[in-house]
Amino acid sequence: MSAALDRFVAAAPPTVRPGLRILLALGRRPRGRALLAHYPPAEQAAHAVLAMDHFEDPAVSVPLGYDPDAVAARGRALRRAEGRP
């Protein structure tokens, strides 16, 4: 990843960083042409942020097998089971 993208990811909220790294890695995958490699680093980051926003929509994520409400409910149940607030 370029220095500009590294700074962008480092400045993102901690909960967002893993998703950004994954999306940026996918955009630079070595299979033939990279999805985002022809864009400048700032535009690569913008595409990654837009993709993350798109996949946070339950209408998109649930059919793909990711249910954010179910994940949050499992986290709350685990915290209760462990006696954490």
PDB file of N, CA and C in Angstrom:
ATOM      1  N   MET A   1       0.854  -1.167   0.000  1.00  0.00           N
ATOM      2  CA  MET A   1       0.000   0.000   0.000  1.00  0.00           C
ATOM      3  C   MET A   1       0.901   1.231   0.000  1.00  0.00           C
ATOM      4  N   SER A   2       0.431   2.287  -0.639  1.00  0.00           N
ATOM      5  CA  SER A   2       1.237   3.504  -0.693  1.00  0.00           C
ATOM      6  C   SER A   2       1.222   4.208   0.656  1.00  0.00           C
ATOM      7  N   ALA A   3       2.137   5.128   0.833  1.00  0.00           N
ATOM      8  CA  ALA A   3       2.212   5.889   2.081  1.00  0.00           C
ATOM      9  C   ALA A   3       0.931   6.692   2.307  1.00  0.00           C
ATOM     10  N   ALA A   4       0.365   7.242   1.231  1.00  0.00           N
ATOM     11  CA  ALA A   4      -0.872   8.019   1.365  1.00  0.00           C
ATOM     12  C   ALA A   4      -2.017   7.136   1.847  1.00  0.00           C
ATOM     13  N   LEU A   5      -2.120   5.937   1.292  1.00  0.00           N
ATOM     14  CA  LEU A   5      -3.183   5.029   1.731  1.00  0.00           C
ATOM     15  C   LEU A   5      -2.935   4.551   3.154  1.00  0.00           C
ATOM     16  N   ASP A   6      -1.679   4.306   3.495  1.00  0.00           N
ATOM     17  CA  ASP A   6      -1.356   3.913   4.876  1.00  0.00           C
ATOM     18  C   ASP A   6      -1.795   4.988   5.859  1.00  0.00           C
ATOM     19  N   ARG A   7      -1.548   6.256   5.522  1.00  0.00           N
ATOM     20  CA  ARG A   7      -1.962   7.355   6.399  1.00  0.00           C
ATOM     21  C   ARG A   7      -3.480   7.443   6.487  1.00  0.00           C
ATOM     22  N   PHE A   8      -4.147   7.255   5.351  1.00  0.00           N
ATOM     23  CA  PHE A   8      -5.603   7.302   5.335  1.00  0.00           C
ATOM     24  C   PHE A   8      -6.186   6.205   6.235  1.00  0.00           C
ATOM     25  N   VAL A   9      -5.694   4.995   6.093  1.00  0.00           N
ATOM     26  CA  VAL A   9      -6.200   3.882   6.901  1.00  0.00           C
ATOM     27  C   VAL A   9      -5.880   4.119   8.374  1.00  0.00           C
ATOM     28  N   ALA A  10      -4.687   4.607   8.671  1.00  0.00           N
ATOM     29  CA  ALA A  10      -4.300   4.852  10.063  1.00  0.00           C
ATOM     30  C   ALA A  10      -5.187   5.919  10.708  1.00  0.00           C
ATOM     31  N   ALA A  11      -5.677   6.858   9.928  1.00  0.00           N
ATOM     32  CA  ALA A  11      -6.519   7.929  10.459  1.00  0.00           C
ATOM     33  C   ALA A  11      -7.981   7.504  10.606  1.00  0.00           C
ATOM     34  N   ALA A  12      -8.337   6.371  10.014  1.00  0.00           N
ATOM     35  CA  ALA A  12      -9.721   5.895  10.086  1.00  0.00           C
ATOM     36  C   ALA A  12     -10.016   5.364  11.485  1.00  0.00           C
ATOM     37  N   PRO A  13     -11.292   5.340  11.865  1.00  0.00           N
ATOM     38  CA  PRO A  13     -11.639   4.762  13.162  1.00  0.00           C
ATOM     39  C   PRO A  13     -11.178   3.304  13.242  1.00  0.00           C
ATOM     40  N   PRO A  14     -10.770   2.848  14.416  1.00  0.00           N
ATOM     41  CA  PRO A  14     -10.244   1.483  14.553  1.00  0.00           C
ATOM     42  C   PRO A  14     -11.196   0.407  14.041  1.00  0.00           C
ATOM     43  N   THR A  15     -12.485   0.597  14.193  1.00  0.00           N
ATOM     44  CA  THR A  15     -13.434  -0.412  13.735  1.00  0.00           C
ATOM     45  C   THR A  15     -13.543  -0.480  12.217  1.00  0.00           C
ATOM     46  N   VAL A  16     -13.088   0.554  11.539  1.00  0.00           N
ATOM     47  CA  VAL A  16     -13.186   0.624  10.082  1.00  0.00           C
ATOM     48  C   VAL A  16     -11.908   0.126   9.406  1.00  0.00           C
ATOM     49  N   ARG A  17     -10.797   0.196  10.105  1.00  0.00           N
ATOM     50  CA  ARG A  17      -9.493  -0.114   9.489  1.00  0.00           C
ATOM     51  C   ARG A  17      -9.424  -1.497   8.837  1.00  0.00           C
ATOM     52  N   PRO A  18      -9.870  -2.565   9.500  1.00  0.00           N
ATOM     53  CA  PRO A  18      -9.761  -3.880   8.845  1.00  0.00           C
ATOM     54  C   PRO A  18     -10.510  -3.936   7.520  1.00  0.00           C
ATOM     55  N   GLY A  19     -11.716  -3.383   7.485  1.00  0.00           N
ATOM     56  CA  GLY A  19     -12.485  -3.387   6.244  1.00  0.00           C
ATOM     57  C   GLY A  19     -11.816  -2.586   5.148  1.00  0.00           C
ATOM     58  N   LEU A  20     -11.257  -1.448   5.516  1.00  0.00           N
ATOM     59  CA  LEU A  20     -10.531  -0.643   4.528  1.00  0.00           C
ATOM     60  C   LEU A  20      -9.347  -1.411   3.967  1.00  0.00           C
ATOM     61  N   ARG A  21      -8.599  -2.042   4.846  1.00  0.00           N
ATOM     62  CA  ARG A  21      -7.430  -2.802   4.382  1.00  0.00           C
ATOM     63  C   ARG A  21      -7.844  -3.920   3.426  1.00  0.00           C
ATOM     64  N   ILE A  22      -8.931  -4.606   3.770  1.00  0.00           N
ATOM     65  CA  ILE A  22      -9.402  -5.699   2.910  1.00  0.00           C
ATOM     66  C   ILE A  22      -9.841  -5.160   1.553  1.00  0.00           C
ATOM     67  N   LEU A  23     -10.654  -4.116   1.570  1.00  0.00           N
ATOM     68  CA  LEU A  23     -11.136  -3.569   0.305  1.00  0.00           C
ATOM     69  C   LEU A  23     -10.000  -3.019  -0.547  1.00  0.00           C
ATOM     70  N   LEU A  24      -9.050  -2.364   0.085  1.00  0.00           N
ATOM     71  CA  LEU A  24      -7.916  -1.841  -0.677  1.00  0.00           C
ATOM     72  C   LEU A  24      -7.057  -2.982  -1.213  1.00  0.00           C
ATOM     73  N   ALA A  25      -6.904  -4.049  -0.434  1.00  0.00           N
ATOM     74  CA  ALA A  25      -6.140  -5.207  -0.908  1.00  0.00           C
ATOM     75  C   ALA A  25      -6.847  -5.858  -2.091  1.00  0.00           C
ATOM     76  N   LEU A  26      -8.161  -5.984  -2.007  1.00  0.00           N
ATOM     77  CA  LEU A  26      -8.906  -6.561  -3.122  1.00  0.00           C
ATOM     78  C   LEU A  26      -8.767  -5.703  -4.372  1.00  0.00           C
ATOM     79  N   GLY A  27      -8.756  -4.414  -4.174  1.00  0.00           N
ATOM     80  CA  GLY A  27      -8.622  -3.508  -5.307  1.00  0.00           C
ATOM     81  C   GLY A  27      -7.259  -3.568  -5.959  1.00  0.00           C
ATOM     82  N   ARG A  28      -6.280  -4.108  -5.259  1.00  0.00           N
ATOM     83  CA  ARG A  28      -4.917  -4.185  -5.787  1.00  0.00           C
ATOM     84  C   ARG A  28      -4.495  -5.630  -6.018  1.00  0.00           C
ATOM     85  N   ARG A  29      -5.456  -6.516  -6.105  1.00  0.00           N
ATOM     86  CA  ARG A  29      -5.137  -7.937  -6.227  1.00  0.00           C
ATOM     87  C   ARG A  29      -4.320  -8.202  -7.488  1.00  0.00           C
ATOM     88  N   PRO A  30      -3.457  -9.215  -7.438  1.00  0.00           N
ATOM     89  CA  PRO A  30      -2.528  -9.450  -8.540  1.00  0.00           C
ATOM     90  C   PRO A  30      -3.129 -10.121  -9.769  1.00  0.00           C
ATOM     91  N   ARG A  31      -4.351 -10.620  -9.693  1.00  0.00           N
ATOM     92  CA  ARG A  31      -4.973 -11.314 -10.825  1.00  0.00           C
ATOM     93  C   ARG A  31      -5.175 -10.361 -11.995  1.00  0.00           C
ATOM     94  N   GLY A  32      -4.373 -10.465 -12.987  1.00  0.00           N
ATOM     95  CA  GLY A  32      -4.540  -9.587 -14.144  1.00  0.00           C
ATOM     96  C   GLY A  32      -4.493  -8.134 -13.742  1.00  0.00           C
ATOM     97  N   ARG A  33      -5.511  -7.381 -14.116  1.00  0.00           N
ATOM     98  CA  ARG A  33      -5.589  -5.962 -13.758  1.00  0.00           C
ATOM     99  C   ARG A  33      -6.166  -5.801 -12.364  1.00  0.00           C
ATOM    100  N   ALA A  34      -5.575  -4.983 -11.579  1.00  0.00           N
ATOM    101  CA  ALA A  34      -6.125  -4.673 -10.264  1.00  0.00           C
ATOM    102  C   ALA A  34      -7.335  -3.761 -10.456  1.00  0.00           C
ATOM    103  N   LEU A  35      -8.328  -3.938  -9.599  1.00  0.00           N
ATOM    104  CA  LEU A  35      -9.550  -3.154  -9.735  1.00  0.00           C
ATOM    105  C   LEU A  35      -9.319  -1.656  -9.624  1.00  0.00           C
ATOM    106  N   LEU A  36      -8.527  -1.255  -8.649  1.00  0.00           N
ATOM    107  CA  LEU A  36      -8.375   0.173  -8.370  1.00  0.00           C
ATOM    108  C   LEU A  36      -6.981   0.712  -8.672  1.00  0.00           C
ATOM    109  N   ALA A  37      -6.086  -0.115  -9.143  1.00  0.00           N
ATOM    110  CA  ALA A  37      -4.688   0.299  -9.290  1.00  0.00           C
ATOM    111  C   ALA A  37      -4.511   1.472 -10.242  1.00  0.00           C
ATOM    112  N   HIS A  38      -5.418   1.648 -11.179  1.00  0.00           N
ATOM    113  CA  HIS A  38      -5.254   2.745 -12.137  1.00  0.00           C
ATOM    114  C   HIS A  38      -5.735   4.084 -11.582  1.00  0.00           C
ATOM    115  N   TYR A  39      -6.304   4.073 -10.371  1.00  0.00           N
ATOM    116  CA  TYR A  39      -6.731   5.311  -9.720  1.00  0.00           C
ATOM    117  C   TYR A  39      -5.624   5.844  -8.822  1.00  0.00           C
ATOM    118  N   PRO A  40      -5.550   7.164  -8.633  1.00  0.00           N
ATOM    119  CA  PRO A  40      -4.607   7.718  -7.659  1.00  0.00           C
ATOM    120  C   PRO A  40      -4.993   7.232  -6.246  1.00  0.00           C
ATOM    121  N   PRO A  41      -4.036   7.213  -5.303  1.00  0.00           N
ATOM    122  CA  PRO A  41      -4.313   6.700  -3.959  1.00  0.00           C
ATOM    123  C   PRO A  41      -5.531   7.302  -3.282  1.00  0.00           C
ATOM    124  N   ALA A  42      -5.756   8.601  -3.413  1.00  0.00           N
ATOM    125  CA  ALA A  42      -6.912   9.220  -2.756  1.00  0.00           C
ATOM    126  C   ALA A  42      -8.220   8.667  -3.317  1.00  0.00           C
ATOM    127  N   GLU A  43      -8.262   8.431  -4.620  1.00  0.00           N
ATOM    128  CA  GLU A  43      -9.479   7.875  -5.222  1.00  0.00           C
ATOM    129  C   GLU A  43      -9.642   6.403  -4.848  1.00  0.00           C
ATOM    130  N   GLN A  44      -8.537   5.681  -4.704  1.00  0.00           N
ATOM    131  CA  GLN A  44      -8.631   4.292  -4.249  1.00  0.00           C
ATOM    132  C   GLN A  44      -9.279   4.246  -2.876  1.00  0.00           C
ATOM    133  N   ALA A  45      -8.853   5.132  -1.990  1.00  0.00           N
ATOM    134  CA  ALA A  45      -9.415   5.177  -0.639  1.00  0.00           C
ATOM    135  C   ALA A  45     -10.891   5.555  -0.691  1.00  0.00           C
ATOM    136  N   ALA A  46     -11.242   6.507  -1.537  1.00  0.00           N
ATOM    137  CA  ALA A  46     -12.642   6.925  -1.648  1.00  0.00           C
ATOM    138  C   ALA A  46     -13.511   5.771  -2.126  1.00  0.00           C
ATOM    139  N   HIS A  47     -13.020   4.993  -3.111  1.00  0.00           N
ATOM    140  CA  HIS A  47     -13.780   3.832  -3.580  1.00  0.00           C
ATOM    141  C   HIS A  47     -13.966   2.824  -2.454  1.00  0.00           C
ATOM    142  N   ALA A  48     -12.923   2.625  -1.656  1.00  0.00           N
ATOM    143  CA  ALA A  48     -13.013   1.667  -0.555  1.00  0.00           C
ATOM    144  C   ALA A  48     -14.047   2.110   0.466  1.00  0.00           C
ATOM    145  N   VAL A  49     -14.052   3.393   0.784  1.00  0.00           N
ATOM    146  CA  VAL A  49     -15.025   3.914   1.753  1.00  0.00           C
ATOM    147  C   VAL A  49     -16.440   3.754   1.208  1.00  0.00           C
ATOM    148  N   LEU A  50     -16.642   4.069  -0.056  1.00  0.00           N
ATOM    149  CA  LEU A  50     -17.976   3.917  -0.646  1.00  0.00           C
ATOM    150  C   LEU A  50     -18.417   2.457  -0.651  1.00  0.00           C
ATOM    151  N   ALA A  51     -17.500   1.554  -0.937  1.00  0.00           N
ATOM    152  CA  ALA A  51     -17.839   0.129  -0.928  1.00  0.00           C
ATOM    153  C   ALA A  51     -18.225  -0.320   0.471  1.00  0.00           C
ATOM    154  N   MET A  52     -17.477   0.142   1.479  1.00  0.00           N
ATOM    155  CA  MET A  52     -17.810  -0.228   2.858  1.00  0.00           C
ATOM    156  C   MET A  52     -19.193   0.297   3.222  1.00  0.00           C
ATOM    157  N   ASP A  53     -19.498   1.513   2.825  1.00  0.00           N
ATOM    158  CA  ASP A  53     -20.807   2.088   3.115  1.00  0.00           C
ATOM    159  C   ASP A  53     -21.902   1.271   2.433  1.00  0.00           C
ATOM    160  N   HIS A  54     -21.666   0.869   1.216  1.00  0.00           N
ATOM    161  CA  HIS A  54     -22.636   0.076   0.462  1.00  0.00           C
ATOM    162  C   HIS A  54     -22.904  -1.253   1.166  1.00  0.00           C
ATOM    163  N   PHE A  55     -21.857  -1.928   1.627  1.00  0.00           N
ATOM    164  CA  PHE A  55     -22.025  -3.237   2.244  1.00  0.00           C
ATOM    165  C   PHE A  55     -22.548  -3.158   3.670  1.00  0.00           C
ATOM    166  N   GLU A  56     -22.620  -1.960   4.258  1.00  0.00           N
ATOM    167  CA  GLU A  56     -23.246  -1.815   5.569  1.00  0.00           C
ATOM    168  C   GLU A  56     -24.763  -1.789   5.452  1.00  0.00           C
ATOM    169  N   ASP A  57     -25.286  -1.647   4.253  1.00  0.00           N
ATOM    170  CA  ASP A  57     -26.727  -1.673   4.034  1.00  0.00           C
ATOM    171  C   ASP A  57     -27.202  -3.123   4.165  1.00  0.00           C
ATOM    172  N   PRO A  58     -28.106  -3.410   5.125  1.00  0.00           N
ATOM    173  CA  PRO A  58     -28.583  -4.787   5.294  1.00  0.00           C
ATOM    174  C   PRO A  58     -29.184  -5.388   4.027  1.00  0.00           C
ATOM    175  N   ALA A  59     -29.748  -4.561   3.157  1.00  0.00           N
ATOM    176  CA  ALA A  59     -30.299  -5.076   1.907  1.00  0.00           C
ATOM    177  C   ALA A  59     -29.202  -5.670   1.022  1.00  0.00           C
ATOM    178  N   VAL A  60     -27.961  -5.255   1.250  1.00  0.00           N
ATOM    179  CA  VAL A  60     -26.822  -5.774   0.495  1.00  0.00           C
ATOM    180  C   VAL A  60     -26.116  -6.865   1.291  1.00  0.00           C
ATOM    181  N   SER A  61     -25.838  -6.602   2.573  1.00  0.00           N
ATOM    182  CA  SER A  61     -25.010  -7.521   3.358  1.00  0.00           C
ATOM    183  C   SER A  61     -25.721  -8.815   3.750  1.00  0.00           C
ATOM    184  N   VAL A  62     -26.999  -8.747   4.107  1.00  0.00           N
ATOM    185  CA  VAL A  62     -27.702  -9.951   4.564  1.00  0.00           C
ATOM    186  C   VAL A  62     -27.781 -11.020   3.467  1.00  0.00           C
ATOM    187  N   PRO A  63     -28.169 -10.675   2.241  1.00  0.00           N
ATOM    188  CA  PRO A  63     -28.174 -11.712   1.197  1.00  0.00           C
ATOM    189  C   PRO A  63     -26.789 -12.297   0.904  1.00  0.00           C
ATOM    190  N   LEU A  64     -25.739 -11.543   1.247  1.00  0.00           N
ATOM    191  CA  LEU A  64     -24.374 -12.043   1.050  1.00  0.00           C
ATOM    192  C   LEU A  64     -23.892 -12.876   2.234  1.00  0.00           C
ATOM    193  N   GLY A  65     -24.736 -13.010   3.263  1.00  0.00           N
ATOM    194  CA  GLY A  65     -24.379 -13.851   4.402  1.00  0.00           C
ATOM    195  C   GLY A  65     -23.873 -13.107   5.617  1.00  0.00           C
ATOM    196  N   TYR A  66     -23.893 -11.792   5.604  1.00  0.00           N
ATOM    197  CA  TYR A  66     -23.446 -11.021   6.761  1.00  0.00           C
ATOM    198  C   TYR A  66     -24.618 -10.222   7.287  1.00  0.00           C
ATOM    199  N   ASP A  67     -25.026 -10.514   8.513  1.00  0.00           N
ATOM    200  CA  ASP A  67     -26.144  -9.821   9.146  1.00  0.00           C
ATOM    201  C   ASP A  67     -25.587  -9.009  10.303  1.00  0.00           C
ATOM    202  N   PRO A  68     -25.417  -7.683  10.119  1.00  0.00           N
ATOM    203  CA  PRO A  68     -24.803  -6.875  11.164  1.00  0.00           C
ATOM    204  C   PRO A  68     -25.597  -6.886  12.469  1.00  0.00           C
ATOM    205  N   ASP A  69     -26.928  -6.966  12.387  1.00  0.00           N
ATOM    206  CA  ASP A  69     -27.727  -7.010  13.613  1.00  0.00           C
ATOM    207  C   ASP A  69     -27.473  -8.301  14.378  1.00  0.00           C
ATOM    208  N   ALA A  70     -27.339  -9.404  13.663  1.00  0.00           N
ATOM    209  CA  ALA A  70     -27.052 -10.685  14.318  1.00  0.00           C
ATOM    210  C   ALA A  70     -25.665 -10.669  14.950  1.00  0.00           C
ATOM    211  N   VAL A  71     -24.699 -10.059  14.279  1.00  0.00           N
ATOM    212  CA  VAL A  71     -23.341  -9.962  14.826  1.00  0.00           C
ATOM    213  C   VAL A  71     -23.355  -9.128  16.100  1.00  0.00           C
ATOM    214  N   ALA A  72     -24.077  -8.004  16.083  1.00  0.00           N
ATOM    215  CA  ALA A  72     -24.168  -7.153  17.269  1.00  0.00           C
ATOM    216  C   ALA A  72     -24.862  -7.892  18.413  1.00  0.00           C
ATOM    217  N   ALA A  73     -25.908  -8.649  18.106  1.00  0.00           N
ATOM    218  CA  ALA A  73     -26.620  -9.413  19.141  1.00  0.00           C
ATOM    219  C   ALA A  73     -25.707 -10.475  19.757  1.00  0.00           C
ATOM    220  N   ARG A  74     -24.906 -11.148  18.929  1.00  0.00           N
ATOM    221  CA  ARG A  74     -23.952 -12.141  19.463  1.00  0.00           C
ATOM    222  C   ARG A  74     -22.928 -11.468  20.359  1.00  0.00           C
ATOM    223  N   GLY A  75     -22.474 -10.283  19.986  1.00  0.00           N
ATOM    224  CA  GLY A  75     -21.514  -9.543  20.814  1.00  0.00           C
ATOM    225  C   GLY A  75     -22.112  -9.154  22.149  1.00  0.00           C
ATOM    226  N   ARG A  76     -23.356  -8.660  22.130  1.00  0.00           N
ATOM    227  CA  ARG A  76     -24.026  -8.294  23.387  1.00  0.00           C
ATOM    228  C   ARG A  76     -24.215  -9.517  24.279  1.00  0.00           C
ATOM    229  N   ALA A  77     -24.618 -10.648  23.694  1.00  0.00           N
ATOM    230  CA  ALA A  77     -24.819 -11.873  24.473  1.00  0.00           C
ATOM    231  C   ALA A  77     -23.497 -12.344  25.080  1.00  0.00           C
ATOM    232  N   LEU A  78     -22.415 -12.259  24.332  1.00  0.00           N
ATOM    233  CA  LEU A  78     -21.107 -12.666  24.838  1.00  0.00           C
ATOM    234  C   LEU A  78     -20.675 -11.771  25.990  1.00  0.00           C
ATOM    235  N   ARG A  79     -20.868 -10.460  25.845  1.00  0.00           N
ATOM    236  CA  ARG A  79     -20.510  -9.551  26.938  1.00  0.00           C
ATOM    237  C   ARG A  79     -21.316  -9.868  28.198  1.00  0.00           C
ATOM    238  N   ARG A  80     -22.618 -10.120  28.030  1.00  0.00           N
ATOM    239  CA  ARG A  80     -23.443 -10.481  29.200  1.00  0.00           C
ATOM    240  C   ARG A  80     -22.954 -11.774  29.827  1.00  0.00           C
ATOM    241  N   ALA A  81     -22.663 -12.773  29.005  1.00  0.00           N
ATOM    242  CA  ALA A  81     -22.208 -14.070  29.512  1.00  0.00           C
ATOM    243  C   ALA A  81     -20.879 -13.944  30.257  1.00  0.00           C
ATOM    244  N   GLU A  82     -20.046 -13.008  29.827  1.00  0.00           N
ATOM    245  CA  GLU A  82     -18.746 -12.791  30.470  1.00  0.00           C
ATOM    246  C   GLU A  82     -18.830 -11.779  31.613  1.00  0.00           C
ATOM    247  N   GLY A  83     -20.027 -11.248  31.846  1.00  0.00           N
ATOM    248  CA  GLY A  83     -20.200 -10.271  32.920  1.00  0.00           C
ATOM    249  C   GLY A  83     -19.650  -8.896  32.626  1.00  0.00           C
ATOM    250  N   ARG A  84     -19.482  -8.588  31.339  1.00  0.00           N
ATOM    251  CA  ARG A  84     -18.976  -7.266  30.942  1.00  0.00           C
ATOM    252  C   ARG A  84     -20.153  -6.362  30.626  1.00  0.00           C
ATOM    253  N   PRO A  85     -19.967  -5.045  30.815  1.00  0.00           N
ATOM    254  CA  PRO A  85     -21.060  -4.089  30.481  1.00  0.00           C
ATOM    255  C   PRO A  85     -21.333  -4.006  28.995  1.00  0.00           C
TER     256      PRO A  85
END
